[in-house]
PDB file of N, CA and C in Angstrom:
ATOM      1  N   UNK A   1       0.955  -0.827  -0.173  1.00  0.00           N
ATOM      2  CA  UNK A   1       0.098  -0.190   0.004  1.00  0.00           C
ATOM      3  C   UNK A   1       0.897   1.216  -0.042  1.00  0.00           C
ATOM      4  N   UNK A   2       0.369   2.084  -0.813  1.00  0.00           N
ATOM      5  CA  UNK A   2       1.391   3.408  -0.895  1.00  0.00           C
ATOM      6  C   UNK A   2       0.785   4.334   0.017  1.00  0.00           C
ATOM      7  N   UNK A   3       1.980   5.064   0.920  1.00  0.00           N
ATOM      8  CA  UNK A   3       1.663   5.751   1.924  1.00  0.00           C
ATOM      9  C   UNK A   3       1.211   7.255   1.026  1.00  0.00           C
ATOM     10  N   UNK A   4       0.286   8.250   1.495  1.00  0.00           N
ATOM     11  CA  UNK A   4      -0.179   9.323   0.976  1.00  0.00           C
ATOM     12  C   UNK A   4       1.553  10.465   1.183  1.00  0.00           C
ATOM     13  N   UNK A   5       1.360  11.211   0.326  1.00  0.00           N
ATOM     14  CA  UNK A   5       2.543  11.788   0.304  1.00  0.00           C
ATOM     15  C   UNK A   5       1.954  13.210   1.419  1.00  0.00           C
ATOM     16  N   UNK A   6       2.804  13.745   2.357  1.00  0.00           N
ATOM     17  CA  UNK A   6       2.637  14.742   3.367  1.00  0.00           C
ATOM     18  C   UNK A   6       3.683  15.911   2.986  1.00  0.00           C
ATOM     19  N   UNK A   7       2.999  16.803   1.862  1.00  0.00           N
ATOM     20  CA  UNK A   7       3.823  18.153   1.238  1.00  0.00           C
ATOM     21  C   UNK A   7       4.298  18.882   2.406  1.00  0.00           C
ATOM     22  N   UNK A   8       3.149  19.056   3.620  1.00  0.00           N
ATOM     23  CA  UNK A   8       3.595  20.187   4.718  1.00  0.00           C
ATOM     24  C   UNK A   8       4.974  19.528   5.424  1.00  0.00           C
ATOM     25  N   UNK A   9       4.606  18.102   5.668  1.00  0.00           N
ATOM     26  CA  UNK A   9       5.731  17.710   6.529  1.00  0.00           C
ATOM     27  C   UNK A   9       7.247  17.786   5.915  1.00  0.00           C
ATOM     28  N   UNK A  10       6.941  17.284   4.436  1.00  0.00           N
ATOM     29  CA  UNK A  10       8.188  17.315   3.853  1.00  0.00           C
ATOM     30  C   UNK A  10       9.100  18.775   3.452  1.00  0.00           C
ATOM     31  N   UNK A  11       8.134  19.649   3.766  1.00  0.00           N
ATOM     32  CA  UNK A  11       8.691  20.642   3.632  1.00  0.00           C
ATOM     33  C   UNK A  11       9.191  21.246   4.834  1.00  0.00           C
ATOM     34  N   UNK A  12       8.538  21.151   5.937  1.00  0.00           N
ATOM     35  CA  UNK A  12       9.225  21.338   7.063  1.00  0.00           C
ATOM     36  C   UNK A  12      10.620  20.713   7.186  1.00  0.00           C
ATOM     37  N   UNK A  13      10.790  19.390   7.003  1.00  0.00           N
ATOM     38  CA  UNK A  13      11.872  18.949   7.113  1.00  0.00           C
ATOM     39  C   UNK A  13      12.995  19.341   6.216  1.00  0.00           C
ATOM     40  N   UNK A  14      12.760  19.873   5.380  1.00  0.00           N
ATOM     41  CA  UNK A  14      13.466  20.480   4.389  1.00  0.00           C
ATOM     42  C   UNK A  14      13.821  21.975   4.744  1.00  0.00           C
ATOM     43  N   UNK A  15      13.415  22.117   5.699  1.00  0.00           N
ATOM     44  CA  UNK A  15      13.737  23.744   6.523  1.00  0.00           C
ATOM     45  C   UNK A  15      13.005  24.669   5.670  1.00  0.00           C
ATOM     46  N   UNK A  16      11.860  24.417   4.687  1.00  0.00           N
ATOM     47  CA  UNK A  16      11.303  25.713   4.480  1.00  0.00           C
ATOM     48  C   UNK A  16      10.359  26.344   5.061  1.00  0.00           C
ATOM     49  N   UNK A  17      10.200  27.585   4.869  1.00  0.00           N
ATOM     50  CA  UNK A  17       9.288  28.213   5.863  1.00  0.00           C
ATOM     51  C   UNK A  17       7.755  28.136   5.657  1.00  0.00           C
ATOM     52  N   UNK A  18       6.793  27.991   6.551  1.00  0.00           N
ATOM     53  CA  UNK A  18       5.640  27.714   6.534  1.00  0.00           C
ATOM     54  C   UNK A  18       4.671  28.723   6.846  1.00  0.00           C
ATOM     55  N   UNK A  19       3.718  29.340   5.850  1.00  0.00           N
ATOM     56  CA  UNK A  19       2.855  30.258   6.224  1.00  0.00           C
ATOM     57  C   UNK A  19       1.560  29.955   6.654  1.00  0.00           C
ATOM     58  N   UNK A  20       0.938  30.348   7.711  1.00  0.00           N
ATOM     59  CA  UNK A  20      -0.247  29.905   8.475  1.00  0.00           C
ATOM     60  C   UNK A  20      -1.419  30.997   9.094  1.00  0.00           C
ATOM     61  N   UNK A  21      -2.328  30.496   9.538  1.00  0.00           N
ATOM     62  CA  UNK A  21      -3.226  31.165  10.164  1.00  0.00           C
ATOM     63  C   UNK A  21      -3.905  30.979  11.445  1.00  0.00           C
ATOM     64  N   UNK A  22      -4.037  31.564  12.490  1.00  0.00           N
ATOM     65  CA  UNK A  22      -4.140  31.356  13.743  1.00  0.00           C
ATOM     66  C   UNK A  22      -5.683  31.988  13.555  1.00  0.00           C
ATOM     67  N   UNK A  23      -6.906  31.307  13.882  1.00  0.00           N
ATOM     68  CA  UNK A  23      -8.460  31.609  13.376  1.00  0.00           C
ATOM     69  C   UNK A  23      -9.235  31.582  14.817  1.00  0.00           C
ATOM     70  N   UNK A  24      -9.499  32.765  15.606  1.00  0.00           N
ATOM     71  CA  UNK A  24     -10.140  32.875  16.669  1.00  0.00           C
ATOM     72  C   UNK A  24     -11.554  33.337  16.572  1.00  0.00           C
ATOM     73  N   UNK A  25     -12.082  33.509  14.952  1.00  0.00           N
ATOM     74  CA  UNK A  25     -13.376  33.674  14.948  1.00  0.00           C
ATOM     75  C   UNK A  25     -14.280  32.919  14.963  1.00  0.00           C
ATOM     76  N   UNK A  26     -15.606  32.580  15.564  1.00  0.00           N
ATOM     77  CA  UNK A  26     -16.248  31.559  15.612  1.00  0.00           C
ATOM     78  C   UNK A  26     -17.377  31.955  14.250  1.00  0.00           C
ATOM     79  N   UNK A  27     -17.174  31.864  13.474  1.00  0.00           N
ATOM     80  CA  UNK A  27     -17.616  31.806  11.878  1.00  0.00           C
ATOM     81  C   UNK A  27     -17.307  30.947  10.864  1.00  0.00           C
ATOM     82  N   UNK A  28     -18.082  30.084  10.271  1.00  0.00           N
ATOM     83  CA  UNK A  28     -17.948  29.175   9.377  1.00  0.00           C
ATOM     84  C   UNK A  28     -17.328  29.661   8.224  1.00  0.00           C
ATOM     85  N   UNK A  29     -18.115  31.073   8.051  1.00  0.00           N
ATOM     86  CA  UNK A  29     -17.597  31.813   7.030  1.00  0.00           C
ATOM     87  C   UNK A  29     -16.107  32.307   6.616  1.00  0.00           C
ATOM     88  N   UNK A  30     -15.661  32.669   7.833  1.00  0.00           N
ATOM     89  CA  UNK A  30     -14.328  33.188   8.233  1.00  0.00           C
ATOM     90  C   UNK A  30     -13.435  31.989   8.117  1.00  0.00           C
ATOM     91  N   UNK A  31     -13.773  31.067   8.260  1.00  0.00           N
ATOM     92  CA  UNK A  31     -13.184  29.385   8.232  1.00  0.00           C
ATOM     93  C   UNK A  31     -12.551  29.192   6.739  1.00  0.00           C
ATOM     94  N   UNK A  32     -14.160  29.405   6.010  1.00  0.00           N
ATOM     95  CA  UNK A  32     -13.766  28.837   4.650  1.00  0.00           C
ATOM     96  C   UNK A  32     -13.119  29.946   3.781  1.00  0.00           C
ATOM     97  N   UNK A  33     -12.989  31.278   3.945  1.00  0.00           N
ATOM     98  CA  UNK A  33     -12.065  32.316   3.640  1.00  0.00           C
ATOM     99  C   UNK A  33     -10.732  32.035   4.097  1.00  0.00           C
ATOM    100  N   UNK A  34     -10.486  31.587   4.996  1.00  0.00           N
ATOM    101  CA  UNK A  34      -8.967  31.346   5.444  1.00  0.00           C
ATOM    102  C   UNK A  34      -8.608  30.346   4.695  1.00  0.00           C
ATOM    103  N   UNK A  35      -9.535  29.271   4.751  1.00  0.00           N
ATOM    104  CA  UNK A  35      -8.846  27.730   4.040  1.00  0.00           C
ATOM    105  C   UNK A  35      -8.802  27.796   2.618  1.00  0.00           C
ATOM    106  N   UNK A  36      -9.262  28.654   2.131  1.00  0.00           N
ATOM    107  CA  UNK A  36      -9.161  28.904   0.338  1.00  0.00           C
ATOM    108  C   UNK A  36      -7.882  30.232   0.142  1.00  0.00           C
ATOM    109  N   UNK A  37      -7.416  30.916   0.824  1.00  0.00           N
ATOM    110  CA  UNK A  37      -6.573  31.872   0.852  1.00  0.00           C
ATOM    111  C   UNK A  37      -4.902  31.437   0.688  1.00  0.00           C
ATOM    112  N   UNK A  38      -4.673  29.930   0.520  1.00  0.00           N
ATOM    113  CA  UNK A  38      -3.427  29.723   0.413  1.00  0.00           C
ATOM    114  C   UNK A  38      -2.170  29.936   1.095  1.00  0.00           C
ATOM    115  N   UNK A  39      -2.911  29.704   2.634  1.00  0.00           N
ATOM    116  CA  UNK A  39      -1.849  29.580   3.294  1.00  0.00           C
ATOM    117  C   UNK A  39      -1.533  28.007   3.508  1.00  0.00           C
ATOM    118  N   UNK A  40      -0.226  27.341   3.902  1.00  0.00           N
ATOM    119  CA  UNK A  40       0.288  26.348   4.214  1.00  0.00           C
ATOM    120  C   UNK A  40      -0.537  25.702   5.577  1.00  0.00           C
ATOM    121  N   UNK A  41      -0.918  26.323   6.274  1.00  0.00           N
ATOM    122  CA  UNK A  41      -1.618  25.437   7.586  1.00  0.00           C
ATOM    123  C   UNK A  41      -2.493  26.469   8.097  1.00  0.00           C
ATOM    124  N   UNK A  42      -3.581  25.684   8.899  1.00  0.00           N
ATOM    125  CA  UNK A  42      -4.946  26.700   9.313  1.00  0.00           C
ATOM    126  C   UNK A  42      -5.128  25.780  10.883  1.00  0.00           C
ATOM    127  N   UNK A  43      -4.994  26.898  11.922  1.00  0.00           N
ATOM    128  CA  UNK A  43      -5.478  26.391  13.103  1.00  0.00           C
ATOM    129  C   UNK A  43      -6.412  27.047  13.639  1.00  0.00           C
ATOM    130  N   UNK A  44      -7.714  26.297  13.838  1.00  0.00           N
ATOM    131  CA  UNK A  44      -8.990  26.714  14.491  1.00  0.00           C
ATOM    132  C   UNK A  44      -8.948  26.587  16.115  1.00  0.00           C
ATOM    133  N   UNK A  45      -8.846  28.002  16.578  1.00  0.00           N
ATOM    134  CA  UNK A  45      -8.800  28.071  18.071  1.00  0.00           C
ATOM    135  C   UNK A  45     -10.065  27.507  18.920  1.00  0.00           C
ATOM    136  N   UNK A  46     -10.083  26.736  19.513  1.00  0.00           N
ATOM    137  CA  UNK A  46     -11.244  26.179  20.462  1.00  0.00           C
ATOM    138  C   UNK A  46     -11.034  26.306  21.720  1.00  0.00           C
ATOM    139  N   UNK A  47      -9.978  26.897  22.073  1.00  0.00           N
ATOM    140  CA  UNK A  47      -9.713  27.121  23.818  1.00  0.00           C
ATOM    141  C   UNK A  47      -9.741  28.499  23.974  1.00  0.00           C
ATOM    142  N   UNK A  48      -9.224  29.366  23.154  1.00  0.00           N
ATOM    143  CA  UNK A  48      -9.276  30.937  23.825  1.00  0.00           C
ATOM    144  C   UNK A  48     -10.209  31.736  22.643  1.00  0.00           C
ATOM    145  N   UNK A  49     -10.974  31.126  22.118  1.00  0.00           N
ATOM    146  CA  UNK A  49     -11.770  31.919  21.313  1.00  0.00           C
ATOM    147  C   UNK A  49     -13.283  31.109  21.677  1.00  0.00           C
ATOM    148  N   UNK A  50     -14.218  32.164  21.272  1.00  0.00           N
ATOM    149  CA  UNK A  50     -15.829  31.191  21.538  1.00  0.00           C
ATOM    150  C   UNK A  50     -16.130  30.510  20.682  1.00  0.00           C
ATOM    151  N   UNK A  51     -15.472  29.519  20.105  1.00  0.00           N
ATOM    152  CA  UNK A  51     -15.740  28.049  19.187  1.00  0.00           C
ATOM    153  C   UNK A  51     -16.124  27.092  20.233  1.00  0.00           C
ATOM    154  N   UNK A  52     -17.204  26.211  19.896  1.00  0.00           N
ATOM    155  CA  UNK A  52     -17.183  25.061  20.803  1.00  0.00           C
ATOM    156  C   UNK A  52     -17.161  23.931  19.440  1.00  0.00           C
ATOM    157  N   UNK A  53     -17.602  23.056  19.886  1.00  0.00           N
ATOM    158  CA  UNK A  53     -17.411  21.606  18.629  1.00  0.00           C
ATOM    159  C   UNK A  53     -18.646  21.879  17.443  1.00  0.00           C
ATOM    160  N   UNK A  54     -19.957  22.453  17.857  1.00  0.00           N
ATOM    161  CA  UNK A  54     -20.660  22.705  16.783  1.00  0.00           C
ATOM    162  C   UNK A  54     -20.428  24.038  15.508  1.00  0.00           C
ATOM    163  N   UNK A  55     -19.833  24.652  16.195  1.00  0.00           N
ATOM    164  CA  UNK A  55     -19.337  25.970  15.328  1.00  0.00           C
ATOM    165  C   UNK A  55     -17.567  25.210  14.491  1.00  0.00           C
ATOM    166  N   UNK A  56     -17.186  24.417  15.279  1.00  0.00           N
ATOM    167  CA  UNK A  56     -15.805  23.902  14.789  1.00  0.00           C
ATOM    168  C   UNK A  56     -16.244  22.905  13.511  1.00  0.00           C
ATOM    169  N   UNK A  57     -17.245  22.356  13.451  1.00  0.00           N
ATOM    170  CA  UNK A  57     -18.214  21.136  12.755  1.00  0.00           C
ATOM    171  C   UNK A  57     -18.419  22.041  11.580  1.00  0.00           C
ATOM    172  N   UNK A  58     -19.186  23.271  11.607  1.00  0.00           N
ATOM    173  CA  UNK A  58     -19.898  23.622  10.648  1.00  0.00           C
ATOM    174  C   UNK A  58     -18.799  24.376   9.780  1.00  0.00           C
TER     175      UNK A  58
END
């Protein structure tokens, strides 16, 4: 079975900088915009922001 290629991990191992965004807005619209903005990674903050499981799943 062929393992999937993890481009993010490979770039980190190669020492290439990654650009990302820490999203604390409790909005599915802002998450959708951030997800399609071309960042290498996206973190949805569910501890320090007004997010809960239902807003994260939306």
